[in-house]
All heavy atoms as atom14 arrays in JSON, in Angstrom:
{
  "sequence": "TPLAEEYKLDETGASALNAMANEARAIFSLHKERIEAYAAHLAAR",
  "atom14_mask": [
    [1, 1, 1, 1, 1, 1, 1, 0, 0, 0, 0, 0, 0, 0],
    [1, 1, 1, 1, 1, 1, 1, 0, 0, 0, 0, 0, 0, 0],
    [1, 1, 1, 1, 1, 1, 1, 1, 0, 0, 0, 0, 0, 0],
    [1, 1, 1, 1, 1, 0, 0, 0, 0, 0, 0, 0, 0, 0],
    [1, 1, 1, 1, 1, 1, 1, 1, 1, 0, 0, 0, 0, 0],
    [1, 1, 1, 1, 1, 1, 1, 1, 1, 0, 0, 0, 0, 0],
    [1, 1, 1, 1, 1, 1, 1, 1, 1, 1, 1, 1, 0, 0],
    [1, 1, 1, 1, 1, 1, 1, 1, 1, 0, 0, 0, 0, 0],
    [1, 1, 1, 1, 1, 1, 1, 1, 0, 0, 0, 0, 0, 0],
    [1, 1, 1, 1, 1, 1, 1, 1, 0, 0, 0, 0, 0, 0],
    [1, 1, 1, 1, 1, 1, 1, 1, 1, 0, 0, 0, 0, 0],
    [1, 1, 1, 1, 1, 1, 1, 0, 0, 0, 0, 0, 0, 0],
    [1, 1, 1, 1, 0, 0, 0, 0, 0, 0, 0, 0, 0, 0],
    [1, 1, 1, 1, 1, 0, 0, 0, 0, 0, 0, 0, 0, 0],
    [1, 1, 1, 1, 1, 1, 0, 0, 0, 0, 0, 0, 0, 0],
    [1, 1, 1, 1, 1, 0, 0, 0, 0, 0, 0, 0, 0, 0],
    [1, 1, 1, 1, 1, 1, 1, 1, 0, 0, 0, 0, 0, 0],
    [1, 1, 1, 1, 1, 1, 1, 1, 0, 0, 0, 0, 0, 0],
    [1, 1, 1, 1, 1, 0, 0, 0, 0, 0, 0, 0, 0, 0],
    [1, 1, 1, 1, 1, 1, 1, 1, 0, 0, 0, 0, 0, 0],
    [1, 1, 1, 1, 1, 0, 0, 0, 0, 0, 0, 0, 0, 0],
    [1, 1, 1, 1, 1, 1, 1, 1, 0, 0, 0, 0, 0, 0],
    [1, 1, 1, 1, 1, 1, 1, 1, 1, 0, 0, 0, 0, 0],
    [1, 1, 1, 1, 1, 0, 0, 0, 0, 0, 0, 0, 0, 0],
    [1, 1, 1, 1, 1, 1, 1, 1, 1, 1, 1, 0, 0, 0],
    [1, 1, 1, 1, 1, 0, 0, 0, 0, 0, 0, 0, 0, 0],
    [1, 1, 1, 1, 1, 1, 1, 1, 0, 0, 0, 0, 0, 0],
    [1, 1, 1, 1, 1, 1, 1, 1, 1, 1, 1, 0, 0, 0],
    [1, 1, 1, 1, 1, 1, 0, 0, 0, 0, 0, 0, 0, 0],
    [1, 1, 1, 1, 1, 1, 1, 1, 0, 0, 0, 0, 0, 0],
    [1, 1, 1, 1, 1, 1, 1, 1, 1, 1, 0, 0, 0, 0],
    [1, 1, 1, 1, 1, 1, 1, 1, 1, 0, 0, 0, 0, 0],
    [1, 1, 1, 1, 1, 1, 1, 1, 1, 0, 0, 0, 0, 0],
    [1, 1, 1, 1, 1, 1, 1, 1, 1, 1, 1, 0, 0, 0],
    [1, 1, 1, 1, 1, 1, 1, 1, 0, 0, 0, 0, 0, 0],
    [1, 1, 1, 1, 1, 1, 1, 1, 1, 0, 0, 0, 0, 0],
    [1, 1, 1, 1, 1, 0, 0, 0, 0, 0, 0, 0, 0, 0],
    [1, 1, 1, 1, 1, 1, 1, 1, 1, 1, 1, 1, 0, 0],
    [1, 1, 1, 1, 1, 0, 0, 0, 0, 0, 0, 0, 0, 0],
    [1, 1, 1, 1, 1, 0, 0, 0, 0, 0, 0, 0, 0, 0],
    [1, 1, 1, 1, 1, 1, 1, 1, 1, 1, 0, 0, 0, 0],
    [1, 1, 1, 1, 1, 1, 1, 1, 0, 0, 0, 0, 0, 0],
    [1, 1, 1, 1, 1, 0, 0, 0, 0, 0, 0, 0, 0, 0],
    [1, 1, 1, 1, 1, 0, 0, 0, 0, 0, 0, 0, 0, 0],
    [1, 1, 1, 1, 1, 1, 1, 1, 1, 1, 1, 0, 0, 0]
  ],
  "atom14_positions": [
    [[60.87, 2.33, 95.41], [59.86, 1.77, 94.52], [60.49, 0.55, 93.88], [61.58, 0.66, 93.31], [59.43, 2.77, 93.43], [58.83, 3.91, 94.04], [58.43, 2.13, 92.47], [0.0, 0.0, 0.0], [0.0, 0.0, 0.0], [0.0, 0.0, 0.0], [0.0, 0.0, 0.0], [0.0, 0.0, 0.0], [0.0, 0.0, 0.0], [0.0, 0.0, 0.0]],
    [[59.87, -0.63, 93.97], [60.49, -1.83, 93.4], [60.69, -1.73, 91.89], [59.88, -1.14, 91.18], [59.48, -2.94, 93.74], [58.68, -2.41, 94.88], [58.61, -0.93, 94.67], [0.0, 0.0, 0.0], [0.0, 0.0, 0.0], [0.0, 0.0, 0.0], [0.0, 0.0, 0.0], [0.0, 0.0, 0.0], [0.0, 0.0, 0.0], [0.0, 0.0, 0.0]],
    [[61.8, -2.3, 91.43], [62.04, -2.38, 90.0], [61.01, -3.31, 89.36], [60.45, -4.19, 90.02], [63.45, -2.91, 89.73], [64.62, -2.01, 90.18], [65.94, -2.76, 90.08], [64.67, -0.74, 89.36], [0.0, 0.0, 0.0], [0.0, 0.0, 0.0], [0.0, 0.0, 0.0], [0.0, 0.0, 0.0], [0.0, 0.0, 0.0], [0.0, 0.0, 0.0]],
    [[60.8, -3.13, 88.07], [59.83, -3.97, 87.37], [60.26, -5.43, 87.34], [59.44, -6.33, 87.3], [59.65, -3.46, 85.94], [0.0, 0.0, 0.0], [0.0, 0.0, 0.0], [0.0, 0.0, 0.0], [0.0, 0.0, 0.0], [0.0, 0.0, 0.0], [0.0, 0.0, 0.0], [0.0, 0.0, 0.0], [0.0, 0.0, 0.0], [0.0, 0.0, 0.0]],
    [[61.58, -5.65, 87.39], [62.13, -7.0, 87.39], [63.1, -7.12, 88.56], [63.8, -6.17, 88.9], [62.85, -7.27, 86.08], [63.44, -8.66, 85.94], [64.1, -8.88, 84.59], [63.72, -8.16, 83.63], [64.98, -9.74, 84.5], [0.0, 0.0, 0.0], [0.0, 0.0, 0.0], [0.0, 0.0, 0.0], [0.0, 0.0, 0.0], [0.0, 0.0, 0.0]],
    [[63.13, -8.3, 89.18], [64.04, -8.53, 90.3], [65.39, -9.01, 89.77], [65.57, -10.19, 89.45], [63.46, -9.57, 91.27], [64.29, -9.78, 92.52], [64.31, -8.59, 93.46], [63.51, -7.64, 93.26], [65.12, -8.58, 94.4], [0.0, 0.0, 0.0], [0.0, 0.0, 0.0], [0.0, 0.0, 0.0], [0.0, 0.0, 0.0], [0.0, 0.0, 0.0]],
    [[66.34, -8.09, 89.66], [67.65, -8.42, 89.12], [68.54, -9.06, 90.19], [68.47, -8.71, 91.36], [68.33, -7.17, 88.57], [67.61, -6.57, 87.38], [66.72, -5.51, 87.56], [67.81, -7.06, 86.11], [66.04, -4.97, 86.49], [67.14, -6.52, 85.02], [66.25, -5.47, 85.22], [65.57, -4.94, 84.15], [0.0, 0.0, 0.0], [0.0, 0.0, 0.0]],
    [[69.39, -9.97, 89.76], [70.31, -10.62, 90.68], [71.35, -9.63, 91.18], [71.66, -8.64, 90.52], [70.99, -11.8, 89.99], [70.04, -12.94, 89.61], [70.8, -14.06, 88.92], [69.86, -15.2, 88.54], [70.6, -16.3, 87.84], [0.0, 0.0, 0.0], [0.0, 0.0, 0.0], [0.0, 0.0, 0.0], [0.0, 0.0, 0.0], [0.0, 0.0, 0.0]],
    [[71.93, -9.95, 92.35], [72.94, -9.07, 92.93], [74.16, -8.94, 92.03], [74.85, -7.91, 92.07], [73.38, -9.61, 94.29], [72.32, -9.72, 95.39], [72.95, -10.23, 96.67], [71.67, -8.37, 95.64], [0.0, 0.0, 0.0], [0.0, 0.0, 0.0], [0.0, 0.0, 0.0], [0.0, 0.0, 0.0], [0.0, 0.0, 0.0], [0.0, 0.0, 0.0]],
    [[74.45, -9.96, 91.23], [75.65, -9.95, 90.4], [75.32, -9.78, 88.91], [76.1, -10.17, 88.05], [76.47, -11.22, 90.61], [75.67, -12.5, 90.38], [74.44, -12.41, 90.21], [76.29, -13.58, 90.39], [0.0, 0.0, 0.0], [0.0, 0.0, 0.0], [0.0, 0.0, 0.0], [0.0, 0.0, 0.0], [0.0, 0.0, 0.0], [0.0, 0.0, 0.0]],
    [[74.19, -9.16, 88.61], [73.79, -8.91, 87.22], [74.62, -7.76, 86.65], [74.51, -6.62, 87.1], [72.31, -8.58, 87.15], [71.81, -8.2, 85.77], [72.05, -9.3, 84.75], [71.32, -10.32, 84.81], [72.99, -9.14, 83.93], [0.0, 0.0, 0.0], [0.0, 0.0, 0.0], [0.0, 0.0, 0.0], [0.0, 0.0, 0.0], [0.0, 0.0, 0.0]],
    [[75.46, -8.06, 85.65], [76.33, -7.03, 85.07], [76.05, -6.77, 83.6], [76.78, -6.0, 82.96], [77.81, -7.43, 85.23], [78.04, -8.68, 84.55], [78.19, -7.58, 86.7], [0.0, 0.0, 0.0], [0.0, 0.0, 0.0], [0.0, 0.0, 0.0], [0.0, 0.0, 0.0], [0.0, 0.0, 0.0], [0.0, 0.0, 0.0], [0.0, 0.0, 0.0]],
    [[75.03, -7.4, 83.04], [74.72, -7.2, 81.63], [74.34, -5.76, 81.32], [73.67, -5.09, 82.1], [0.0, 0.0, 0.0], [0.0, 0.0, 0.0], [0.0, 0.0, 0.0], [0.0, 0.0, 0.0], [0.0, 0.0, 0.0], [0.0, 0.0, 0.0], [0.0, 0.0, 0.0], [0.0, 0.0, 0.0], [0.0, 0.0, 0.0], [0.0, 0.0, 0.0]],
    [[74.77, -5.29, 80.16], [74.53, -3.9, 79.78], [73.04, -3.57, 79.7], [72.6, -2.5, 80.14], [75.2, -3.6, 78.44], [0.0, 0.0, 0.0], [0.0, 0.0, 0.0], [0.0, 0.0, 0.0], [0.0, 0.0, 0.0], [0.0, 0.0, 0.0], [0.0, 0.0, 0.0], [0.0, 0.0, 0.0], [0.0, 0.0, 0.0], [0.0, 0.0, 0.0]],
    [[72.25, -4.48, 79.15], [70.81, -4.21, 79.02], [70.14, -4.11, 80.39], [69.27, -3.26, 80.61], [70.14, -5.29, 78.18], [70.28, -6.57, 78.77], [0.0, 0.0, 0.0], [0.0, 0.0, 0.0], [0.0, 0.0, 0.0], [0.0, 0.0, 0.0], [0.0, 0.0, 0.0], [0.0, 0.0, 0.0], [0.0, 0.0, 0.0], [0.0, 0.0, 0.0]],
    [[70.55, -4.96, 81.33], [69.99, -4.92, 82.67], [70.39, -3.62, 83.38], [69.56, -2.98, 84.05], [70.45, -6.13, 83.48], [0.0, 0.0, 0.0], [0.0, 0.0, 0.0], [0.0, 0.0, 0.0], [0.0, 0.0, 0.0], [0.0, 0.0, 0.0], [0.0, 0.0, 0.0], [0.0, 0.0, 0.0], [0.0, 0.0, 0.0], [0.0, 0.0, 0.0]],
    [[71.65, -3.21, 83.24], [72.1, -1.97, 83.87], [71.39, -0.77, 83.27], [71.02, 0.18, 83.98], [73.61, -1.83, 83.73], [74.46, -2.86, 84.5], [75.94, -2.65, 84.23], [74.18, -2.79, 85.99], [0.0, 0.0, 0.0], [0.0, 0.0, 0.0], [0.0, 0.0, 0.0], [0.0, 0.0, 0.0], [0.0, 0.0, 0.0], [0.0, 0.0, 0.0]],
    [[71.18, -0.79, 81.96], [70.43, 0.29, 81.31], [69.01, 0.37, 81.87], [68.5, 1.46, 82.17], [70.37, 0.08, 79.8], [71.69, 0.35, 79.12], [72.54, 1.06, 79.66], [71.88, -0.23, 77.95], [0.0, 0.0, 0.0], [0.0, 0.0, 0.0], [0.0, 0.0, 0.0], [0.0, 0.0, 0.0], [0.0, 0.0, 0.0], [0.0, 0.0, 0.0]],
    [[68.38, -0.79, 82.01], [67.01, -0.82, 82.52], [66.95, -0.3, 83.95], [66.06, 0.49, 84.31], [66.46, -2.25, 82.45], [0.0, 0.0, 0.0], [0.0, 0.0, 0.0], [0.0, 0.0, 0.0], [0.0, 0.0, 0.0], [0.0, 0.0, 0.0], [0.0, 0.0, 0.0], [0.0, 0.0, 0.0], [0.0, 0.0, 0.0], [0.0, 0.0, 0.0]],
    [[67.89, -0.72, 84.8], [67.9, -0.27, 86.19], [68.14, 1.23, 86.28], [67.5, 1.93, 87.08], [68.95, -1.04, 86.99], [68.55, -2.47, 87.3], [69.68, -3.3, 88.47], [70.93, -3.91, 87.35], [0.0, 0.0, 0.0], [0.0, 0.0, 0.0], [0.0, 0.0, 0.0], [0.0, 0.0, 0.0], [0.0, 0.0, 0.0], [0.0, 0.0, 0.0]],
    [[69.07, 1.75, 85.48], [69.36, 3.19, 85.51], [68.15, 3.99, 85.04], [67.81, 5.03, 85.62], [70.57, 3.49, 84.63], [0.0, 0.0, 0.0], [0.0, 0.0, 0.0], [0.0, 0.0, 0.0], [0.0, 0.0, 0.0], [0.0, 0.0, 0.0], [0.0, 0.0, 0.0], [0.0, 0.0, 0.0], [0.0, 0.0, 0.0], [0.0, 0.0, 0.0]],
    [[67.49, 3.52, 83.99], [66.3, 4.23, 83.51], [65.17, 4.2, 84.53], [64.47, 5.2, 84.72], [65.83, 3.61, 82.18], [66.78, 3.91, 81.03], [67.49, 4.92, 81.05], [66.8, 3.05, 80.03], [0.0, 0.0, 0.0], [0.0, 0.0, 0.0], [0.0, 0.0, 0.0], [0.0, 0.0, 0.0], [0.0, 0.0, 0.0], [0.0, 0.0, 0.0]],
    [[65.0, 3.06, 85.19], [63.97, 2.99, 86.22], [64.31, 3.87, 87.42], [63.43, 4.41, 88.07], [63.77, 1.53, 86.66], [63.04, 0.69, 85.62], [62.56, -0.64, 86.18], [61.76, -0.63, 87.14], [63.01, -1.69, 85.68], [0.0, 0.0, 0.0], [0.0, 0.0, 0.0], [0.0, 0.0, 0.0], [0.0, 0.0, 0.0], [0.0, 0.0, 0.0]],
    [[65.61, 4.01, 87.71], [66.01, 4.9, 88.8], [65.59, 6.34, 88.51], [65.14, 7.06, 89.41], [67.53, 4.83, 89.0], [0.0, 0.0, 0.0], [0.0, 0.0, 0.0], [0.0, 0.0, 0.0], [0.0, 0.0, 0.0], [0.0, 0.0, 0.0], [0.0, 0.0, 0.0], [0.0, 0.0, 0.0], [0.0, 0.0, 0.0], [0.0, 0.0, 0.0]],
    [[65.71, 6.76, 87.27], [65.28, 8.12, 86.9], [63.76, 8.25, 87.02], [63.26, 9.31, 87.42], [65.76, 8.45, 85.49], [67.3, 8.51, 85.39], [67.81, 8.8, 83.98], [69.27, 8.83, 83.98], [70.05, 7.78, 83.74], [69.5, 6.62, 83.43], [71.37, 7.89, 83.79], [0.0, 0.0, 0.0], [0.0, 0.0, 0.0], [0.0, 0.0, 0.0]],
    [[63.07, 7.17, 86.7], [61.61, 7.19, 86.88], [61.25, 7.24, 88.35], [60.28, 7.91, 88.74], [61.0, 5.95, 86.22], [0.0, 0.0, 0.0], [0.0, 0.0, 0.0], [0.0, 0.0, 0.0], [0.0, 0.0, 0.0], [0.0, 0.0, 0.0], [0.0, 0.0, 0.0], [0.0, 0.0, 0.0], [0.0, 0.0, 0.0], [0.0, 0.0, 0.0]],
    [[62.01, 6.55, 89.2], [61.78, 6.59, 90.65], [61.99, 8.0, 91.17], [61.23, 8.49, 92.02], [62.71, 5.58, 91.36], [62.27, 4.15, 91.04], [62.71, 5.81, 92.87], [63.25, 3.08, 91.5], [0.0, 0.0, 0.0], [0.0, 0.0, 0.0], [0.0, 0.0, 0.0], [0.0, 0.0, 0.0], [0.0, 0.0, 0.0], [0.0, 0.0, 0.0]],
    [[63.02, 8.68, 90.67], [63.26, 10.07, 91.08], [62.05, 10.93, 90.73], [61.6, 11.74, 91.55], [64.51, 10.61, 90.39], [64.79, 12.06, 90.66], [65.45, 12.45, 91.82], [64.37, 13.04, 89.77], [65.69, 13.79, 92.08], [64.61, 14.38, 90.02], [65.27, 14.76, 91.18], [0.0, 0.0, 0.0], [0.0, 0.0, 0.0], [0.0, 0.0, 0.0]],
    [[61.54, 10.78, 89.53], [60.37, 11.56, 89.11], [59.15, 11.24, 89.96], [58.39, 12.15, 90.34], [60.06, 11.29, 87.64], [61.14, 11.69, 86.81], [0.0, 0.0, 0.0], [0.0, 0.0, 0.0], [0.0, 0.0, 0.0], [0.0, 0.0, 0.0], [0.0, 0.0, 0.0], [0.0, 0.0, 0.0], [0.0, 0.0, 0.0], [0.0, 0.0, 0.0]],
    [[58.97, 9.98, 90.29], [57.83, 9.55, 91.09], [57.87, 10.17, 92.49], [56.83, 10.55, 93.04], [57.81, 8.02, 91.19], [56.65, 7.39, 91.96], [55.33, 7.68, 91.26], [56.87, 5.89, 92.09], [0.0, 0.0, 0.0], [0.0, 0.0, 0.0], [0.0, 0.0, 0.0], [0.0, 0.0, 0.0], [0.0, 0.0, 0.0], [0.0, 0.0, 0.0]],
    [[59.06, 10.29, 93.06], [59.21, 10.81, 94.42], [59.73, 12.26, 94.44], [60.18, 12.74, 95.49], [60.19, 9.93, 95.21], [59.72, 8.53, 95.42], [58.91, 8.17, 96.49], [59.92, 7.39, 94.7], [58.66, 6.87, 96.42], [59.26, 6.38, 95.34], [0.0, 0.0, 0.0], [0.0, 0.0, 0.0], [0.0, 0.0, 0.0], [0.0, 0.0, 0.0]],
    [[59.64, 12.94, 93.3], [60.31, 14.24, 93.18], [59.81, 15.25, 94.2], [60.59, 16.03, 94.76], [60.13, 14.79, 91.77], [60.98, 16.04, 91.51], [60.93, 16.47, 90.06], [61.84, 17.67, 89.82], [61.79, 18.12, 88.41], [0.0, 0.0, 0.0], [0.0, 0.0, 0.0], [0.0, 0.0, 0.0], [0.0, 0.0, 0.0], [0.0, 0.0, 0.0]],
    [[58.53, 15.27, 94.49], [58.0, 16.25, 95.43], [58.62, 16.07, 96.82], [59.01, 17.05, 97.46], [56.48, 16.12, 95.5], [55.82, 17.2, 96.36], [54.31, 17.13, 96.32], [53.76, 16.55, 95.35], [53.68, 17.65, 97.25], [0.0, 0.0, 0.0], [0.0, 0.0, 0.0], [0.0, 0.0, 0.0], [0.0, 0.0, 0.0], [0.0, 0.0, 0.0]],
    [[58.74, 14.83, 97.28], [59.33, 14.57, 98.58], [60.82, 14.86, 98.57], [61.37, 15.39, 99.54], [59.07, 13.12, 98.99], [57.58, 12.81, 99.17], [57.34, 11.32, 99.31], [57.99, 10.78, 100.49], [58.77, 9.71, 100.49], [59.02, 9.07, 99.36], [59.3, 9.28, 101.61], [0.0, 0.0, 0.0], [0.0, 0.0, 0.0], [0.0, 0.0, 0.0]],
    [[61.48, 14.52, 97.48], [62.92, 14.79, 97.37], [63.18, 16.29, 97.35], [64.12, 16.79, 97.99], [63.49, 14.11, 96.11], [63.42, 12.58, 96.26], [64.93, 14.55, 95.88], [63.81, 11.83, 95.01], [0.0, 0.0, 0.0], [0.0, 0.0, 0.0], [0.0, 0.0, 0.0], [0.0, 0.0, 0.0], [0.0, 0.0, 0.0], [0.0, 0.0, 0.0]],
    [[62.35, 17.04, 96.62], [62.52, 18.49, 96.57], [62.35, 19.11, 97.95], [63.08, 20.04, 98.32], [61.52, 19.1, 95.6], [61.89, 18.9, 94.13], [60.87, 19.52, 93.19], [59.69, 19.64, 93.58], [61.25, 19.87, 92.06], [0.0, 0.0, 0.0], [0.0, 0.0, 0.0], [0.0, 0.0, 0.0], [0.0, 0.0, 0.0], [0.0, 0.0, 0.0]],
    [[61.4, 18.62, 98.73], [61.18, 19.15, 100.08], [62.41, 18.91, 100.95], [62.83, 19.79, 101.71], [59.95, 18.51, 100.7], [0.0, 0.0, 0.0], [0.0, 0.0, 0.0], [0.0, 0.0, 0.0], [0.0, 0.0, 0.0], [0.0, 0.0, 0.0], [0.0, 0.0, 0.0], [0.0, 0.0, 0.0], [0.0, 0.0, 0.0], [0.0, 0.0, 0.0]],
    [[63.01, 17.72, 100.84], [64.22, 17.42, 101.61], [65.39, 18.27, 101.11], [66.15, 18.85, 101.9], [64.54, 15.94, 101.49], [65.6, 15.46, 102.48], [65.22, 14.85, 103.66], [66.95, 15.62, 102.21], [66.18, 14.41, 104.58], [67.91, 15.2, 103.11], [67.53, 14.59, 104.29], [68.48, 14.17, 105.18], [0.0, 0.0, 0.0], [0.0, 0.0, 0.0]],
    [[65.53, 18.36, 99.79], [66.65, 19.11, 99.21], [66.59, 20.59, 99.57], [67.63, 21.25, 99.7], [66.65, 18.95, 97.69], [0.0, 0.0, 0.0], [0.0, 0.0, 0.0], [0.0, 0.0, 0.0], [0.0, 0.0, 0.0], [0.0, 0.0, 0.0], [0.0, 0.0, 0.0], [0.0, 0.0, 0.0], [0.0, 0.0, 0.0], [0.0, 0.0, 0.0]],
    [[65.4, 21.13, 99.75], [65.27, 22.55, 100.12], [65.95, 22.81, 101.46], [66.58, 23.87, 101.65], [63.8, 22.94, 100.17], [0.0, 0.0, 0.0], [0.0, 0.0, 0.0], [0.0, 0.0, 0.0], [0.0, 0.0, 0.0], [0.0, 0.0, 0.0], [0.0, 0.0, 0.0], [0.0, 0.0, 0.0], [0.0, 0.0, 0.0], [0.0, 0.0, 0.0]],
    [[65.85, 21.87, 102.38], [66.53, 22.02, 103.68], [68.05, 21.94, 103.5], [68.79, 22.68, 104.14], [66.06, 20.94, 104.64], [64.62, 21.08, 105.07], [64.19, 22.09, 105.93], [63.53, 20.36, 104.75], [62.89, 21.97, 106.11], [62.46, 20.94, 105.41], [0.0, 0.0, 0.0], [0.0, 0.0, 0.0], [0.0, 0.0, 0.0], [0.0, 0.0, 0.0]],
    [[68.49, 21.03, 102.63], [69.93, 20.92, 102.39], [70.49, 22.2, 101.78], [71.56, 22.67, 102.16], [70.21, 19.74, 101.45], [69.78, 18.35, 101.92], [70.18, 17.3, 100.87], [70.39, 17.99, 103.27], [0.0, 0.0, 0.0], [0.0, 0.0, 0.0], [0.0, 0.0, 0.0], [0.0, 0.0, 0.0], [0.0, 0.0, 0.0], [0.0, 0.0, 0.0]],
    [[69.76, 22.76, 100.84], [70.23, 23.97, 100.15], [70.27, 25.18, 101.08], [71.03, 26.13, 100.84], [69.34, 24.27, 98.95], [0.0, 0.0, 0.0], [0.0, 0.0, 0.0], [0.0, 0.0, 0.0], [0.0, 0.0, 0.0], [0.0, 0.0, 0.0], [0.0, 0.0, 0.0], [0.0, 0.0, 0.0], [0.0, 0.0, 0.0], [0.0, 0.0, 0.0]],
    [[69.46, 25.15, 102.13], [69.41, 26.28, 103.07], [70.51, 26.21, 104.12], [70.66, 27.14, 104.93], [68.04, 26.32, 103.75], [0.0, 0.0, 0.0], [0.0, 0.0, 0.0], [0.0, 0.0, 0.0], [0.0, 0.0, 0.0], [0.0, 0.0, 0.0], [0.0, 0.0, 0.0], [0.0, 0.0, 0.0], [0.0, 0.0, 0.0], [0.0, 0.0, 0.0]],
    [[71.28, 25.15, 104.12], [72.3, 24.96, 105.16], [73.4, 26.02, 105.06], [73.89, 26.34, 103.97], [72.91, 23.57, 105.03], [73.98, 23.3, 106.06], [74.37, 21.85, 106.12], [75.1, 21.59, 107.35], [75.19, 20.43, 107.94], [74.58, 19.39, 107.42], [75.87, 20.29, 109.06], [0.0, 0.0, 0.0], [0.0, 0.0, 0.0], [0.0, 0.0, 0.0]]
  ]
}
């Protein structure tokens, strides 16, 4: 899922990293059903 802002490859500012990390958690929630389905196979290994 695209980030709300297109950050540069070399963006190291704390506020930008905070924003990207928070959006990553939102991406996990958005795709959680698909991730859970995949993880269920991993857990059964």
